[in-house]
Amino acid sequence: MSSRRNFWVFRSIITYCRNTISVLLSTFFIFLFNNLPSPSLLDIATMVNTEAARTAVGIIGNVISIGLFASPIPTFVKILKAKSVEDFKPDPYVATVLNCAMWCFYGLPLVHPDSFLVITINGCGLIIEIIYVTVFFLYSPWSKRRRILIALVIEIIFFACVVFVTLHFFHTTKERSTIIGTVCIVLNVLMYASPLTVMRMVIRTRSVKYMPFTLSVANFCNGVVWMIYALLKFDLFILIPNGLGTFFGLGQLILYASYYRSTQWDRRAREAELFYA
């Protein structure tokens, strides 16, 4: 009898607490509804359209970027057939591993929210570049393998230090976005040294036979698409590197138009262009 009474007392207390919480929550939401400015239908439609456009542009950017990541495949087919890396260098692929890893970290919700498409493309790029580096490692002599291992160890240590410092000493997404975004911009700027070298060679030789046209177009389109993505929901750290990419891509296309007629094409050069494309 006593236990039955205790049960009903306990149930009454639970019911009372539930009803009290319901009343408090209802009062709170009524207060918010009456005191916060309500967005107009136009504002809601604008937000929805902007997000939809940003998502669509991001998907297009993912497709173009995957094409860029896949562009060295002919090189690796040649390496696999020859079972040797010959004179090819692994440096661009090792550097891109760190670049993609940093952009993946930048896109995480705890660093920069609403950047899922940044994670998807750089996650795909990271996997592709690791495959490239693995092929280089398997078909390289020990001297090159050692350099690849040293470079990867340095990159892993650097990445781990950046992650640790960011998560333990910076506690808001704004601060974390600023730190990681700045690092990503620096890495991207360093990676643009390669196009500058090619552009200088084109000007010096007045020949575009070693600057693949399709790759230049892809670089330009990739930069434009990700610039639009960054502007739809303003992101300075995506805008700056892709603005530079657009600028250098446009510069390559201008050089191509300027020196195409003066280029002395031959079969070997044509094959080289198709091979490096």
Protein backbone atom coordinates (compact mmCIF):
# COMPACT_ATOMS: atom_id res chain seq x y z
CA MET A 1 0.00 0.00 0.00
CA SER A 2 2.87 2.33 0.92
CA SER A 3 4.76 1.59 -2.30
CA ARG A 4 1.60 2.20 -4.37
CA ARG A 5 1.12 5.57 -2.66
CA ASN A 6 4.77 6.50 -3.27
CA PHE A 7 4.32 5.62 -6.94
CA TRP A 8 1.37 7.98 -7.30
CA VAL A 9 3.21 10.74 -5.44
CA PHE A 10 6.23 10.33 -7.71
CA ARG A 11 3.99 10.34 -10.81
CA SER A 12 2.27 13.52 -9.61
CA ILE A 13 5.63 15.24 -9.10
CA ILE A 14 6.77 14.24 -12.63
CA THR A 15 3.50 15.47 -14.14
CA TYR A 16 3.79 18.78 -12.26
CA CYS A 17 7.39 19.29 -13.39
CA ARG A 18 6.46 18.48 -16.99
CA ASN A 19 3.57 20.93 -16.99
CA THR A 20 5.71 23.64 -15.38
CA ILE A 21 8.46 23.22 -18.00
CA SER A 22 5.86 23.32 -20.80
CA VAL A 23 4.42 26.58 -19.44
CA LEU A 24 7.90 28.14 -19.10
CA LEU A 25 8.91 27.11 -22.63
CA SER A 26 5.62 28.40 -24.07
CA THR A 27 6.09 31.72 -22.27
CA PHE A 28 9.70 31.96 -23.53
CA PHE A 29 8.79 31.33 -27.18
CA ILE A 30 5.82 33.74 -27.01
CA PHE A 31 8.21 36.38 -25.65
CA LEU A 32 10.68 35.73 -28.51
CA PHE A 33 7.91 35.82 -31.12
CA ASN A 34 6.59 39.16 -29.81
CA ASN A 35 9.96 40.87 -29.35
CA LEU A 36 12.21 39.67 -32.19
CA PRO A 37 11.84 41.27 -35.64
CA SER A 38 10.16 38.87 -38.02
CA PRO A 39 11.79 38.47 -41.45
CA SER A 40 9.69 39.29 -44.45
CA LEU A 41 8.86 36.72 -47.10
CA LEU A 42 11.28 38.53 -49.41
CA ASP A 43 14.12 38.13 -46.88
CA ILE A 44 13.37 34.43 -46.47
CA ALA A 45 13.20 33.92 -50.25
CA THR A 46 16.50 35.79 -50.69
CA MET A 47 18.24 33.63 -48.08
CA VAL A 48 16.90 30.43 -49.63
CA ASN A 49 17.88 31.53 -53.16
CA THR A 50 21.38 32.54 -52.04
CA GLU A 51 21.98 29.21 -50.28
CA ALA A 52 20.62 27.27 -53.25
CA ALA A 53 22.81 29.24 -55.68
CA ARG A 54 25.86 28.78 -53.44
CA THR A 55 25.26 25.03 -53.24
CA ALA A 56 24.83 24.77 -57.02
CA VAL A 57 28.02 26.77 -57.66
CA GLY A 58 29.89 24.67 -55.07
CA ILE A 59 28.84 21.45 -56.81
CA ILE A 60 30.04 22.83 -60.17
CA GLY A 61 33.31 23.81 -58.46
CA ASN A 62 33.65 20.28 -57.08
CA VAL A 63 33.28 18.80 -60.57
CA ILE A 64 35.85 21.15 -62.14
CA SER A 65 38.30 20.68 -59.26
CA ILE A 66 38.07 16.89 -59.49
CA GLY A 67 38.97 17.28 -63.17
CA LEU A 68 42.04 19.28 -62.15
CA PHE A 69 43.04 16.70 -59.54
CA ALA A 70 42.66 13.97 -62.17
CA SER A 71 44.67 15.82 -64.84
CA PRO A 72 48.04 14.13 -63.95
CA ILE A 73 46.58 10.64 -64.51
CA PRO A 74 48.36 10.24 -67.92
CA THR A 75 51.65 10.89 -66.12
CA PHE A 76 50.98 8.12 -63.62
CA VAL A 77 49.81 5.73 -66.33
CA LYS A 78 53.22 6.25 -67.94
CA ILE A 79 54.97 5.65 -64.60
CA LEU A 80 53.00 2.43 -64.01
CA LYS A 81 53.79 1.14 -67.51
CA ALA A 82 57.49 1.98 -67.20
CA LYS A 83 57.62 0.87 -63.53
CA SER A 84 59.80 3.93 -62.95
CA VAL A 85 59.24 7.61 -62.12
CA GLU A 86 62.08 8.53 -64.51
CA ASP A 87 62.63 12.32 -64.24
CA PHE A 88 59.20 13.22 -62.87
CA LYS A 89 59.21 15.05 -59.53
CA PRO A 90 56.84 14.27 -56.61
CA ASP A 91 57.08 17.77 -55.09
CA PRO A 92 53.75 19.20 -56.42
CA TYR A 93 51.80 16.15 -55.23
CA VAL A 94 53.42 16.06 -51.78
CA ALA A 95 52.71 19.79 -51.37
CA THR A 96 49.07 19.34 -52.48
CA VAL A 97 48.56 16.69 -49.76
CA LEU A 98 49.19 19.31 -47.07
CA ASN A 99 47.15 21.92 -48.92
CA CYS A 100 44.09 19.63 -49.18
CA ALA A 101 44.42 18.54 -45.54
CA MET A 102 44.44 22.16 -44.37
CA TRP A 103 41.36 23.04 -46.46
CA CYS A 104 39.55 19.97 -45.09
CA PHE A 105 40.28 21.20 -41.57
CA TYR A 106 39.15 24.71 -42.53
CA GLY A 107 35.81 23.36 -43.74
CA LEU A 108 34.95 21.57 -40.49
CA PRO A 109 31.98 23.04 -38.53
CA LEU A 110 34.19 23.70 -35.50
CA VAL A 111 36.45 25.91 -37.64
CA HIS A 112 34.27 27.39 -40.39
CA PRO A 113 30.58 26.35 -40.42
CA ASP A 114 28.55 25.88 -43.63
CA SER A 115 31.54 24.76 -45.70
CA PHE A 116 30.61 21.15 -46.46
CA LEU A 117 31.44 21.46 -50.18
CA VAL A 118 34.93 22.69 -49.28
CA ILE A 119 35.41 19.46 -47.32
CA THR A 120 34.07 17.22 -50.10
CA ILE A 121 36.36 18.49 -52.85
CA ASN A 122 39.47 18.72 -50.71
CA GLY A 123 38.71 15.32 -49.17
CA CYS A 124 38.56 13.84 -52.69
CA GLY A 125 41.71 15.75 -53.62
CA LEU A 126 43.51 14.47 -50.52
CA ILE A 127 42.70 10.85 -51.42
CA ILE A 128 43.76 11.34 -55.05
CA GLU A 129 47.04 13.04 -54.08
CA ILE A 130 47.86 10.30 -51.54
CA ILE A 131 47.40 7.75 -54.33
CA TYR A 132 49.77 9.78 -56.55
CA VAL A 133 52.38 10.01 -53.79
CA THR A 134 52.04 6.28 -53.11
CA VAL A 135 52.71 5.48 -56.78
CA PHE A 136 55.74 7.78 -56.73
CA PHE A 137 57.00 6.10 -53.57
CA LEU A 138 56.61 2.56 -54.96
CA TYR A 139 58.43 3.28 -58.23
CA SER A 140 61.17 5.59 -56.92
CA PRO A 141 64.76 4.75 -55.95
CA TRP A 142 65.59 4.88 -52.24
CA SER A 143 67.02 8.42 -52.45
CA LYS A 144 63.68 9.79 -53.70
CA ARG A 145 61.72 7.63 -51.25
CA ARG A 146 63.67 9.09 -48.37
CA ARG A 147 62.90 12.65 -49.50
CA ILE A 148 59.21 11.81 -49.85
CA LEU A 149 59.12 10.29 -46.35
CA ILE A 150 60.91 13.27 -44.81
CA ALA A 151 58.54 15.72 -46.53
CA LEU A 152 55.45 13.76 -45.40
CA VAL A 153 56.68 13.53 -41.80
CA ILE A 154 57.29 17.31 -41.74
CA GLU A 155 53.82 17.91 -43.16
CA ILE A 156 52.17 15.61 -40.60
CA ILE A 157 53.99 17.31 -37.71
CA PHE A 158 53.10 20.76 -39.05
CA PHE A 159 49.44 19.82 -39.55
CA ALA A 160 49.20 18.28 -36.07
CA CYS A 161 50.73 21.39 -34.48
CA VAL A 162 48.33 23.70 -36.35
CA VAL A 163 45.32 21.60 -35.30
CA PHE A 164 46.45 21.47 -31.66
CA VAL A 165 47.14 25.21 -31.41
CA THR A 166 43.89 26.12 -33.18
CA LEU A 167 41.62 23.93 -31.05
CA HIS A 168 43.28 24.57 -27.69
CA PHE A 169 44.09 28.28 -27.84
CA PHE A 170 41.31 29.68 -30.03
CA HIS A 171 37.75 29.11 -28.92
CA THR A 172 35.52 30.80 -31.52
CA THR A 173 34.92 29.85 -35.13
CA LYS A 174 35.85 33.37 -36.21
CA GLU A 175 39.31 33.12 -34.62
CA ARG A 176 39.85 29.58 -35.92
CA SER A 177 38.73 30.55 -39.43
CA THR A 178 41.18 33.45 -39.45
CA ILE A 179 44.14 31.30 -38.38
CA ILE A 180 43.49 28.32 -40.66
CA GLY A 181 42.31 30.52 -43.54
CA THR A 182 45.56 32.50 -43.40
CA VAL A 183 47.63 29.31 -43.44
CA CYS A 184 45.63 28.02 -46.42
CA ILE A 185 46.17 31.26 -48.34
CA VAL A 186 49.94 31.09 -47.74
CA LEU A 187 50.05 27.47 -48.98
CA ASN A 188 48.02 28.35 -52.08
CA VAL A 189 50.25 31.32 -52.91
CA LEU A 190 53.33 29.07 -52.64
CA MET A 191 51.69 26.57 -55.00
CA TYR A 192 51.17 29.33 -57.59
CA ALA A 193 54.94 29.52 -58.07
CA SER A 194 54.67 26.72 -60.66
CA PRO A 195 52.31 28.60 -63.06
CA LEU A 196 54.53 31.69 -62.76
CA THR A 197 57.55 29.62 -63.83
CA VAL A 198 55.68 28.29 -66.88
CA MET A 199 54.42 31.77 -67.82
CA ARG A 200 57.96 33.16 -67.63
CA MET A 201 59.19 30.38 -69.92
CA VAL A 202 56.42 31.15 -72.43
CA ILE A 203 57.38 34.83 -72.54
CA ARG A 204 61.08 34.01 -72.87
CA THR A 205 60.70 31.40 -75.62
CA ARG A 206 57.65 32.99 -77.29
CA SER A 207 56.17 29.47 -77.37
CA VAL A 208 53.18 27.89 -75.62
CA LYS A 209 53.96 24.27 -76.52
CA TYR A 210 54.74 23.40 -72.88
CA MET A 211 51.70 25.20 -71.43
CA PRO A 212 48.65 22.95 -72.03
CA PHE A 213 45.63 24.95 -73.17
CA THR A 214 43.03 22.68 -71.53
CA LEU A 215 44.77 22.91 -68.16
CA SER A 216 44.90 26.71 -68.40
CA VAL A 217 41.17 26.86 -69.21
CA ALA A 218 40.37 24.49 -66.33
CA ASN A 219 42.43 26.58 -63.89
CA PHE A 220 40.65 29.75 -64.99
CA CYS A 221 37.16 28.21 -64.76
CA ASN A 222 37.96 26.67 -61.39
CA GLY A 223 39.08 30.03 -59.99
CA VAL A 224 36.00 31.84 -61.34
CA VAL A 225 33.54 29.29 -59.93
CA TRP A 226 35.08 29.26 -56.44
CA MET A 227 35.28 33.07 -56.47
CA ILE A 228 31.52 33.19 -57.08
CA TYR A 229 31.04 30.63 -54.30
CA ALA A 230 33.05 32.82 -51.90
CA LEU A 231 31.12 35.98 -52.86
CA LEU A 232 27.64 34.47 -52.43
CA LYS A 233 28.34 34.08 -48.72
CA PHE A 234 31.39 36.26 -48.30
CA ASP A 235 34.45 34.21 -47.41
CA LEU A 236 37.69 36.16 -47.72
CA PHE A 237 39.90 33.10 -47.27
CA ILE A 238 38.35 31.25 -50.21
CA LEU A 239 38.10 34.43 -52.28
CA ILE A 240 41.80 35.46 -52.12
CA PRO A 241 43.45 32.22 -53.37
CA ASN A 242 40.81 31.65 -56.04
CA GLY A 243 41.05 35.29 -57.08
CA LEU A 244 44.76 34.70 -57.61
CA GLY A 245 43.97 31.46 -59.46
CA THR A 246 41.59 33.32 -61.75
CA PHE A 247 44.17 36.04 -62.39
CA PHE A 248 46.95 33.57 -63.26
CA GLY A 249 44.55 31.45 -65.34
CA LEU A 250 43.50 34.51 -67.32
CA GLY A 251 47.16 35.46 -67.72
CA GLN A 252 47.93 32.03 -69.16
CA LEU A 253 45.03 32.30 -71.63
CA ILE A 254 46.23 35.76 -72.74
CA LEU A 255 49.75 34.40 -73.23
CA TYR A 256 48.33 31.46 -75.17
CA ALA A 257 46.44 33.80 -77.49
CA SER A 258 49.51 36.03 -77.87
CA TYR A 259 52.12 33.35 -78.62
CA TYR A 260 50.09 30.60 -80.27
CA ARG A 261 50.96 31.75 -83.82
CA SER A 262 54.66 32.11 -83.03
CA THR A 263 54.86 28.61 -81.55
CA GLN A 264 56.71 26.07 -83.69
CA TRP A 265 54.61 22.94 -83.31
CA ASP A 266 56.07 19.55 -84.07
CA ARG A 267 54.89 16.06 -83.37
CA ARG A 268 57.03 15.59 -80.27
CA ALA A 269 55.97 18.91 -78.79
CA ARG A 270 52.34 18.14 -79.56
CA GLU A 271 52.66 14.79 -77.79
CA ALA A 272 54.28 16.53 -74.83
CA GLU A 273 51.38 18.99 -74.65
CA LEU A 274 48.81 16.20 -74.69
CA PHE A 275 50.84 14.23 -72.16
CA TYR A 276 51.13 17.06 -69.64
CA ALA A 277 47.49 18.15 -70.09
